[in-house]
Amino acid sequence: MRVRITVVVAGALLVAGLAAVEAANARINPMVTLLESKQAVFGLYVPSARAGGAGRQGPPGGANGAPAAPATPPPAPKTPAERAKETLAQASSDFIFDGSMEGGVDKGLPGYTEILTALLDGGLLVKTPTPHLSHSLVVKMQEIGTDFPKATEAIGKQLNAGVTTIMFVGTESAAEVEAGLKAMRFKSKGGTRDESSVGNAPKVWGLTDADYKKKADLWPLNKDGELVNWSIVESKEGLKHVREIAAVKGIGVLWPGAGTLRGVMSDPKLGADGKPEIGANGRPVMVPNPVAWEAAIQQVLSACKEFNVPCGFPSNTPEDMEMRYKQGFRVFVASWGDSGFKMVDHGMEVSGRKK
């Protein structure tokens, strides 16, 4: 009898384990699984199309006045297919981050669509056991500001392209974030997104239009949702309202805009007379204030902890990532290249994750 009970229990545990794996695979967006299980997340920017700098120049002249050796031509720019192959080869990376639309969705969307098509051709969509993406698709959104109808239209275009995660840049108020989150949700789910047309998104996700509309909702507001929002605070005005922003329900990850904040938290350089030095552009010369910069980063992290929102950080080295991980940051992005690859691999080790 004892043997039979043991076998039954073991069988039940096996079934439960398989069910958990199946549930994870059922997610279109792998980032949701990681965030809801409170695991660290690591990703990379999509590689640049640039293949390198100018070609190597030959010597200035040959012996005895012989003609100079011809310059080595620069490498050809990488094709979308080449960039997609490189991107997907980084299996440890959880997401693919593209920032080309920060300056305007209409301006950046054609290029993004081109690389996304190449990613799909390269195997981004995994069709078994259930359709899911090998990497989450993260893009930046142009600043929302106060023109909410314009922002709603732009966010809808990004979602219709098939992305899973949108970062709101330069957020400075709770109202701005709330408007953006509503734009990520269909009107039938309490948002402002138009569902009369969903573009190419169902194809990217491997779903019918009807199934896409069921799954394309905002996590964690909808525990079954597949869309994730990132919001970034990168100005003094945003820092002033960071607690109000962090308190908005629906933000998946909150970020300090470390690069921008470094410039924001700068002071005028003073001359020997105690007055600000003026540069060639007619403006004061600014010097970074590392103490104020770090305080701004910690202010965002503190708000994340207070309102139980995962906090993200752009770390380009393993050492910086480990330091920030110990502080409490849990989502990391790095630039494409060896240091970024090492950051991701080291992050997996430090956080105890396996992939």
Protein backbone atom coordinates (compact mmCIF):
# COMPACT_ATOMS: atom_id res chain seq x y z
CA MET A 1 0.00 0.00 0.00
CA ARG A 2 2.83 2.35 0.91
CA VAL A 3 4.50 1.71 -2.46
CA ARG A 4 1.25 2.45 -4.29
CA ILE A 5 0.79 5.74 -2.40
CA THR A 6 4.37 6.73 -3.18
CA VAL A 7 3.87 6.00 -6.86
CA VAL A 8 0.62 7.97 -6.92
CA VAL A 9 2.23 10.96 -5.21
CA ALA A 10 5.23 10.83 -7.52
CA GLY A 11 2.91 10.66 -10.50
CA ALA A 12 0.94 13.63 -9.23
CA LEU A 13 4.11 15.66 -8.77
CA LEU A 14 5.24 14.76 -12.30
CA VAL A 15 1.90 15.84 -13.74
CA ALA A 16 2.06 19.09 -11.76
CA GLY A 17 5.57 19.74 -13.02
CA LEU A 18 4.58 19.10 -16.60
CA ALA A 19 1.56 21.34 -16.14
CA ALA A 20 3.81 24.13 -14.87
CA VAL A 21 6.10 23.76 -17.89
CA GLU A 22 3.12 23.70 -20.22
CA ALA A 23 1.70 26.80 -18.55
CA ALA A 24 5.01 28.61 -19.01
CA ASN A 25 5.19 27.59 -22.65
CA ALA A 26 1.61 28.75 -23.12
CA ARG A 27 2.85 32.30 -22.61
CA ILE A 28 3.43 34.19 -25.84
CA ASN A 29 5.64 36.69 -24.04
CA PRO A 30 8.40 34.97 -22.00
CA MET A 31 9.00 38.12 -19.97
CA VAL A 32 5.65 37.73 -18.22
CA THR A 33 6.62 34.31 -16.88
CA LEU A 34 9.87 35.73 -15.49
CA LEU A 35 8.27 38.80 -13.91
CA GLU A 36 5.38 36.98 -12.29
CA SER A 37 7.79 34.43 -10.79
CA LYS A 38 9.96 37.35 -9.55
CA GLN A 39 13.03 36.29 -11.51
CA ALA A 40 15.66 38.65 -12.90
CA VAL A 41 15.39 39.57 -16.59
CA PHE A 42 18.27 40.30 -18.99
CA GLY A 43 18.28 41.55 -22.56
CA LEU A 44 20.14 43.32 -25.35
CA TYR A 45 19.61 46.03 -27.90
CA VAL A 46 19.18 44.76 -31.44
CA PRO A 47 22.55 44.86 -33.25
CA SER A 48 23.27 47.87 -35.43
CA ALA A 49 23.18 47.71 -39.20
CA ARG A 50 26.62 49.34 -39.25
CA ALA A 51 29.35 46.83 -40.00
CA GLY A 52 32.31 48.97 -38.94
CA GLY A 53 34.16 52.20 -39.58
CA ALA A 54 35.98 53.42 -42.65
CA GLY A 55 38.16 51.04 -44.55
CA ARG A 56 41.82 50.62 -43.61
CA GLN A 57 43.99 53.09 -45.47
CA GLY A 58 47.05 51.88 -47.35
CA PRO A 59 50.47 53.46 -46.78
CA PRO A 60 50.77 57.07 -48.01
CA GLY A 61 53.05 56.15 -50.86
CA GLY A 62 55.08 53.30 -52.30
CA ALA A 63 58.87 53.04 -52.49
CA ASN A 64 60.60 55.29 -55.05
CA GLY A 65 57.40 57.21 -55.71
CA ALA A 66 55.30 54.13 -56.52
CA PRO A 67 51.51 54.66 -56.32
CA ALA A 68 49.94 54.36 -52.89
CA ALA A 69 48.27 51.09 -52.03
CA PRO A 70 44.49 51.31 -52.43
CA ALA A 71 42.38 51.71 -49.33
CA THR A 72 40.56 48.65 -48.07
CA PRO A 73 36.86 49.23 -48.70
CA PRO A 74 34.63 49.33 -45.60
CA PRO A 75 32.52 46.24 -44.89
CA ALA A 76 29.01 46.31 -46.31
CA PRO A 77 26.24 47.20 -43.83
CA LYS A 78 24.60 44.19 -42.23
CA THR A 79 21.39 43.04 -43.85
CA PRO A 80 18.25 42.58 -41.73
CA ALA A 81 18.67 38.80 -42.13
CA GLU A 82 22.24 38.98 -40.79
CA ARG A 83 21.18 41.14 -37.86
CA ALA A 84 18.28 38.80 -37.09
CA LYS A 85 20.57 35.76 -37.12
CA GLU A 86 22.98 37.47 -34.73
CA THR A 87 20.14 38.52 -32.43
CA LEU A 88 18.47 35.12 -32.18
CA ALA A 89 21.82 33.41 -31.60
CA GLN A 90 21.97 35.12 -28.19
CA ALA A 91 19.74 32.54 -26.54
CA SER A 92 20.51 33.73 -22.99
CA SER A 93 18.99 37.13 -23.74
CA ASP A 94 15.34 37.31 -22.66
CA PHE A 95 14.31 40.21 -24.86
CA ILE A 96 15.22 42.19 -27.97
CA PHE A 97 15.24 45.93 -27.34
CA ASP A 98 14.84 48.49 -30.13
CA GLY A 99 14.98 52.22 -29.41
CA SER A 100 14.52 53.54 -32.94
CA MET A 101 10.99 54.87 -32.37
CA GLU A 102 11.82 57.17 -29.46
CA GLY A 103 12.17 60.04 -31.92
CA GLY A 104 8.83 59.27 -33.56
CA VAL A 105 6.86 56.10 -34.22
CA ASP A 106 6.05 56.90 -37.84
CA LYS A 107 9.71 57.63 -38.52
CA GLY A 108 11.09 54.47 -36.90
CA LEU A 109 8.36 51.91 -37.57
CA PRO A 110 9.29 50.99 -41.19
CA GLY A 111 12.84 50.05 -40.19
CA TYR A 112 11.62 48.14 -37.17
CA THR A 113 9.09 46.24 -39.26
CA GLU A 114 11.91 45.22 -41.59
CA ILE A 115 14.06 43.74 -38.81
CA LEU A 116 11.00 42.12 -37.19
CA THR A 117 10.16 40.38 -40.46
CA ALA A 118 13.73 39.06 -40.59
CA LEU A 119 13.46 37.86 -36.98
CA LEU A 120 10.29 35.94 -37.82
CA ASP A 121 11.97 34.38 -40.86
CA GLY A 122 14.86 33.41 -38.57
CA GLY A 123 12.70 31.56 -36.05
CA LEU A 124 11.53 34.14 -33.49
CA LEU A 125 8.11 32.47 -33.35
CA VAL A 126 8.29 29.00 -31.81
CA LYS A 127 5.20 27.05 -32.84
CA THR A 128 5.40 24.01 -30.55
CA PRO A 129 4.11 22.90 -28.11
CA THR A 130 2.07 26.12 -28.26
CA PRO A 131 2.92 29.33 -30.15
CA HIS A 132 5.33 31.57 -28.21
CA LEU A 133 8.17 33.96 -28.90
CA SER A 134 11.76 32.96 -28.18
CA HIS A 135 12.49 36.56 -27.08
CA SER A 136 10.19 39.32 -25.89
CA LEU A 137 9.95 42.30 -28.25
CA VAL A 138 10.60 45.64 -26.51
CA VAL A 139 10.40 49.05 -28.19
CA LYS A 140 10.60 52.64 -27.03
CA MET A 141 7.66 54.97 -27.53
CA GLN A 142 7.96 58.66 -28.40
CA GLU A 143 7.17 60.92 -25.43
CA ILE A 144 3.49 60.80 -24.53
CA GLY A 145 3.35 64.33 -23.14
CA THR A 146 -0.17 65.74 -22.93
CA ASP A 147 -1.42 64.86 -26.42
CA PHE A 148 -3.10 61.63 -25.36
CA PRO A 149 -5.03 60.98 -28.64
CA LYS A 150 -1.79 61.24 -30.64
CA ALA A 151 -0.03 58.92 -28.20
CA THR A 152 -2.90 56.42 -28.33
CA GLU A 153 -2.63 56.26 -32.11
CA ALA A 154 1.16 55.80 -32.01
CA ILE A 155 0.98 53.06 -29.35
CA GLY A 156 -1.68 51.27 -31.38
CA LYS A 157 0.65 51.23 -34.40
CA GLN A 158 3.43 49.69 -32.34
CA LEU A 159 1.15 47.03 -30.90
CA ASN A 160 -0.26 46.24 -34.33
CA ALA A 161 3.31 45.56 -35.47
CA GLY A 162 3.43 42.71 -32.95
CA VAL A 163 5.53 44.04 -30.06
CA THR A 164 5.04 42.64 -26.56
CA THR A 165 6.49 45.48 -24.49
CA ILE A 166 6.48 49.27 -24.85
CA MET A 167 8.70 51.64 -22.88
CA PHE A 168 7.25 55.09 -22.19
CA VAL A 169 10.18 57.53 -22.25
CA GLY A 170 10.46 60.75 -20.28
CA THR A 171 7.42 60.15 -18.09
CA GLU A 172 6.70 63.07 -15.76
CA SER A 173 3.23 62.44 -14.33
CA ALA A 174 0.87 59.69 -13.28
CA ALA A 175 -1.74 60.99 -15.75
CA GLU A 176 0.68 60.55 -18.64
CA VAL A 177 1.43 56.95 -17.68
CA GLU A 178 -2.25 56.15 -17.10
CA ALA A 179 -3.12 57.42 -20.58
CA GLY A 180 -0.36 55.29 -22.10
CA LEU A 181 -1.49 52.18 -20.24
CA LYS A 182 -5.06 52.69 -21.45
CA ALA A 183 -3.72 52.92 -24.99
CA MET A 184 -2.20 49.45 -24.54
CA ARG A 185 -5.63 47.96 -23.71
CA PHE A 186 -8.53 47.37 -26.06
CA LYS A 187 -11.67 49.42 -25.54
CA SER A 188 -13.53 46.22 -24.66
CA LYS A 189 -11.09 45.77 -21.77
CA GLY A 190 -11.43 49.30 -20.44
CA GLY A 191 -8.73 50.93 -22.57
CA THR A 192 -8.61 53.17 -25.62
CA ARG A 193 -6.96 50.87 -28.19
CA ASP A 194 -8.97 50.41 -31.37
CA GLU A 195 -9.69 46.72 -31.98
CA SER A 196 -11.25 47.06 -35.44
CA SER A 197 -7.80 46.31 -36.88
CA VAL A 198 -4.86 44.58 -35.20
CA GLY A 199 -2.43 44.73 -38.11
CA ASN A 200 0.27 42.08 -38.35
CA ALA A 201 0.34 41.32 -34.61
CA PRO A 202 -1.62 38.03 -34.74
CA LYS A 203 0.76 36.67 -37.37
CA VAL A 204 3.80 37.65 -35.28
CA TRP A 205 2.31 35.87 -32.26
CA GLY A 206 1.13 32.85 -34.29
CA LEU A 207 -2.53 33.40 -33.44
CA THR A 208 -5.84 34.10 -35.10
CA ASP A 209 -7.20 37.63 -34.81
CA ALA A 210 -9.74 36.45 -32.24
CA ASP A 211 -7.16 34.68 -30.07
CA TYR A 212 -4.80 37.64 -30.30
CA LYS A 213 -7.52 39.96 -29.00
CA LYS A 214 -8.03 37.65 -26.02
CA LYS A 215 -4.35 37.51 -25.11
CA ALA A 216 -3.20 41.05 -25.99
CA ASP A 217 -4.00 42.68 -22.68
CA LEU A 218 -1.82 44.35 -20.07
CA TRP A 219 -0.10 42.32 -17.39
CA PRO A 220 -0.32 42.54 -14.36
CA LEU A 221 -3.73 44.26 -14.56
CA ASN A 222 -4.87 41.10 -16.34
CA LYS A 223 -2.99 38.08 -14.95
CA ASP A 224 -3.47 36.33 -18.30
CA GLY A 225 -2.28 39.35 -20.30
CA GLU A 226 0.76 39.16 -22.58
CA LEU A 227 1.66 42.85 -22.88
CA VAL A 228 4.11 44.51 -20.49
CA ASN A 229 4.72 48.21 -19.92
CA TRP A 230 8.05 49.77 -19.05
CA SER A 231 8.08 53.40 -17.91
CA ILE A 232 11.22 55.49 -17.54
CA VAL A 233 11.82 58.55 -15.35
CA GLU A 234 14.63 60.77 -16.65
CA SER A 235 13.99 64.38 -15.68
CA LYS A 236 13.77 66.51 -12.55
CA GLU A 237 10.04 66.88 -13.12
CA GLY A 238 9.67 63.12 -13.36
CA LEU A 239 11.69 62.63 -10.17
CA LYS A 240 9.42 65.09 -8.40
CA HIS A 241 6.45 62.84 -9.23
CA VAL A 242 8.19 59.45 -9.18
CA ARG A 243 6.15 58.09 -6.26
CA GLU A 244 2.90 59.02 -8.00
CA ILE A 245 4.16 57.34 -11.17
CA ALA A 246 5.28 54.18 -9.35
CA ALA A 247 1.87 53.94 -7.70
CA VAL A 248 0.08 53.63 -11.06
CA LYS A 249 -1.29 50.10 -11.39
CA GLY A 250 -0.19 48.38 -14.58
CA ILE A 251 3.47 49.38 -14.86
CA GLY A 252 5.47 46.20 -15.39
CA VAL A 253 8.95 47.70 -14.87
CA LEU A 254 9.99 51.19 -13.78
CA TRP A 255 13.38 52.56 -14.85
CA PRO A 256 15.65 55.47 -13.98
CA GLY A 257 16.92 56.94 -17.26
CA ALA A 258 20.51 56.66 -16.09
CA GLY A 259 22.14 58.04 -19.23
CA THR A 260 19.87 61.08 -19.47
CA LEU A 261 19.90 61.68 -15.72
CA ARG A 262 23.70 61.88 -15.77
CA GLY A 263 23.36 65.01 -17.93
CA VAL A 264 20.37 66.34 -16.02
CA MET A 265 22.23 66.05 -12.73
CA SER A 266 25.13 68.25 -13.83
CA ASP A 267 26.36 71.57 -12.48
CA PRO A 268 27.84 74.62 -14.23
CA LYS A 269 31.64 74.61 -14.31
CA LEU A 270 32.93 77.61 -12.39
CA GLY A 271 35.92 79.65 -13.48
CA ALA A 272 38.60 81.20 -11.30
CA ASP A 273 36.30 84.19 -10.75
CA GLY A 274 33.56 81.93 -9.39
CA LYS A 275 31.31 82.54 -12.37
CA PRO A 276 30.05 79.81 -14.76
CA GLU A 277 32.32 79.17 -17.73
CA ILE A 278 30.65 79.72 -21.09
CA GLY A 279 31.33 77.30 -23.93
CA ALA A 280 31.72 77.94 -27.66
CA ASN A 281 27.97 77.44 -28.06
CA GLY A 282 27.29 80.37 -25.76
CA ARG A 283 25.94 78.17 -22.99
CA PRO A 284 27.42 77.32 -19.58
CA VAL A 285 29.86 74.40 -19.53
CA MET A 286 28.31 71.62 -17.45
CA VAL A 287 30.12 68.97 -15.43
CA PRO A 288 28.51 65.78 -14.08
CA ASN A 289 27.57 65.64 -10.41
CA PRO A 290 27.99 61.95 -9.50
CA VAL A 291 26.45 62.36 -6.05
CA ALA A 292 23.25 63.95 -7.41
CA TRP A 293 23.15 61.42 -10.26
CA GLU A 294 23.34 58.46 -7.91
CA ALA A 295 20.75 60.02 -5.62
CA ALA A 296 18.35 60.29 -8.58
CA ILE A 297 18.87 56.61 -9.42
CA GLN A 298 18.25 55.60 -5.83
CA GLN A 299 15.13 57.79 -5.69
CA VAL A 300 13.58 55.76 -8.52
CA LEU A 301 14.68 52.47 -6.93
CA SER A 302 13.15 53.55 -3.61
CA ALA A 303 9.81 54.24 -5.32
CA CYS A 304 9.97 50.83 -7.01
CA LYS A 305 10.49 49.10 -3.68
CA GLU A 306 7.77 51.12 -1.95
CA PHE A 307 5.14 50.21 -4.54
CA ASN A 308 6.46 46.70 -5.30
CA VAL A 309 7.30 47.39 -8.94
CA PRO A 310 10.31 45.68 -10.57
CA CYS A 311 13.07 48.22 -11.25
CA GLY A 312 15.22 48.19 -14.38
CA PHE A 313 18.72 49.48 -15.10
CA PRO A 314 20.89 49.84 -18.24
CA SER A 315 24.10 48.02 -17.26
CA ASN A 316 26.75 47.54 -19.92
CA THR A 317 29.21 45.57 -17.80
CA PRO A 318 28.96 42.50 -15.56
CA GLU A 319 30.41 44.45 -12.64
CA ASP A 320 27.86 47.26 -12.85
CA MET A 321 25.01 44.78 -13.26
CA GLU A 322 26.08 42.82 -10.16
CA MET A 323 26.29 46.01 -8.09
CA ARG A 324 22.84 47.13 -9.21
CA TYR A 325 21.40 43.64 -8.69
CA LYS A 326 22.58 43.73 -5.06
CA GLN A 327 20.88 47.13 -4.69
CA GLY A 328 17.57 45.64 -5.80
CA PHE A 329 17.34 46.18 -9.55
CA ARG A 330 15.90 43.15 -11.36
CA VAL A 331 15.63 43.95 -15.09
CA PHE A 332 18.73 44.79 -17.12
CA VAL A 333 19.48 45.85 -20.68
CA ALA A 334 22.88 46.22 -22.34
CA SER A 335 24.18 47.44 -25.66
CA TRP A 336 25.01 44.87 -28.32
CA GLY A 337 28.59 43.62 -28.08
CA ASP A 338 30.98 41.54 -25.99
CA SER A 339 30.46 43.51 -22.77
CA GLY A 340 26.68 43.18 -23.15
CA PHE A 341 26.92 39.45 -23.80
CA LYS A 342 29.08 39.05 -20.69
CA MET A 343 26.58 41.09 -18.67
CA VAL A 344 23.74 38.74 -19.64
CA ASP A 345 25.75 35.60 -18.93
CA HIS A 346 26.99 36.94 -15.60
CA GLY A 347 23.46 38.03 -14.72
CA MET A 348 22.20 34.50 -15.20
CA GLU A 349 24.92 33.26 -12.87
CA VAL A 350 24.44 35.94 -10.19
CA SER A 351 20.66 35.55 -10.13
CA GLY A 352 20.80 31.74 -10.12
CA ARG A 353 18.82 31.46 -13.33
CA LYS A 354 19.09 28.76 -15.94
CA LYS A 355 17.82 28.98 -19.50
